[in-house]
Amino acid sequence: MEKLAKEQGCTILLVTHDNRILDLADRIIYMEDGYLVDRDDVVEKVG
């Protein structure tokens, strides 16, 4: 899929709870309770 997206110039949106997938992403957007959240807010709650 990654190769196809780059060749076609399109975006793949992948939604997952599996942190092992994060290494494949060019950009990570976090959500909490259905809202986009700032990464610093997520790190603060986890850390």
C-alpha atoms as a PDB file:
ATOM      1  CA  MET A   1       0.000   0.000   0.000  1.00  0.00           C
ATOM      2  CA  GLU A   2       2.810   2.402   0.855  1.00  0.00           C
ATOM      3  CA  LYS A   3       4.426   1.940  -2.564  1.00  0.00           C
ATOM      4  CA  LEU A   4       1.108   2.399  -4.359  1.00  0.00           C
ATOM      5  CA  ALA A   5       0.330   5.590  -2.408  1.00  0.00           C
ATOM      6  CA  LYS A   6       3.685   7.112  -3.315  1.00  0.00           C
ATOM      7  CA  GLU A   7       3.376   6.114  -6.976  1.00  0.00           C
ATOM      8  CA  GLN A   8      -0.161   7.460  -7.260  1.00  0.00           C
ATOM      9  CA  GLY A   9       0.431  10.503  -5.044  1.00  0.00           C
ATOM     10  CA  CYS A  10      -2.455   9.609  -2.760  1.00  0.00           C
ATOM     11  CA  THR A  11      -2.942   9.393   0.982  1.00  0.00           C
ATOM     12  CA  ILE A  12      -3.674   6.326   3.076  1.00  0.00           C
ATOM     13  CA  LEU A  13      -5.524   6.888   6.314  1.00  0.00           C
ATOM     14  CA  LEU A  14      -4.942   4.050   8.758  1.00  0.00           C
ATOM     15  CA  VAL A  15      -6.707   4.017  12.096  1.00  0.00           C
ATOM     16  CA  THR A  16      -5.304   1.647  14.704  1.00  0.00           C
ATOM     17  CA  HIS A  17      -4.698   1.062  18.382  1.00  0.00           C
ATOM     18  CA  ASP A  18      -1.558  -0.943  17.567  1.00  0.00           C
ATOM     19  CA  ASN A  19       1.539   1.156  18.356  1.00  0.00           C
ATOM     20  CA  ARG A  20       3.722  -1.193  16.286  1.00  0.00           C
ATOM     21  CA  ILE A  21       2.267   0.433  13.163  1.00  0.00           C
ATOM     22  CA  LEU A  22       3.611   3.893  14.105  1.00  0.00           C
ATOM     23  CA  ASP A  23       6.989   3.260  12.448  1.00  0.00           C
ATOM     24  CA  LEU A  24       5.280   3.022   9.046  1.00  0.00           C
ATOM     25  CA  ALA A  25       3.588   6.414   9.281  1.00  0.00           C
ATOM     26  CA  ASP A  26       4.825   9.691   7.828  1.00  0.00           C
ATOM     27  CA  ARG A  27       2.464  11.608  10.100  1.00  0.00           C
ATOM     28  CA  ILE A  28       0.588  10.638  13.260  1.00  0.00           C
ATOM     29  CA  ILE A  29      -2.597  12.360  14.382  1.00  0.00           C
ATOM     30  CA  TYR A  30      -3.960  11.545  17.818  1.00  0.00           C
ATOM     31  CA  MET A  31      -7.629  11.357  18.785  1.00  0.00           C
ATOM     32  CA  GLU A  32      -9.281  11.170  22.168  1.00  0.00           C
ATOM     33  CA  ASP A  33     -13.037  10.797  22.700  1.00  0.00           C
ATOM     34  CA  GLY A  34     -13.617  11.565  19.006  1.00  0.00           C
ATOM     35  CA  TYR A  35     -11.561  14.799  18.992  1.00  0.00           C
ATOM     36  CA  LEU A  36      -8.145  15.564  17.536  1.00  0.00           C
ATOM     37  CA  VAL A  37      -5.733  16.278  20.373  1.00  0.00           C
ATOM     38  CA  ASP A  38      -2.274  17.799  20.641  1.00  0.00           C
ATOM     39  CA  ARG A  39       0.438  15.141  21.000  1.00  0.00           C
ATOM     40  CA  ASP A  40       1.824  16.914  24.089  1.00  0.00           C
ATOM     41  CA  ASP A  41      -1.531  16.398  25.822  1.00  0.00           C
ATOM     42  CA  VAL A  42      -1.411  12.663  25.043  1.00  0.00           C
ATOM     43  CA  VAL A  43       2.188  12.303  26.279  1.00  0.00           C
ATOM     44  CA  GLU A  44       1.347  14.194  29.482  1.00  0.00           C
ATOM     45  CA  LYS A  45      -1.558  11.837  30.298  1.00  0.00           C
ATOM     46  CA  VAL A  46       0.471   8.708  29.506  1.00  0.00           C
ATOM     47  CA  GLY A  47       3.746   9.817  31.067  1.00  0.00           C
END
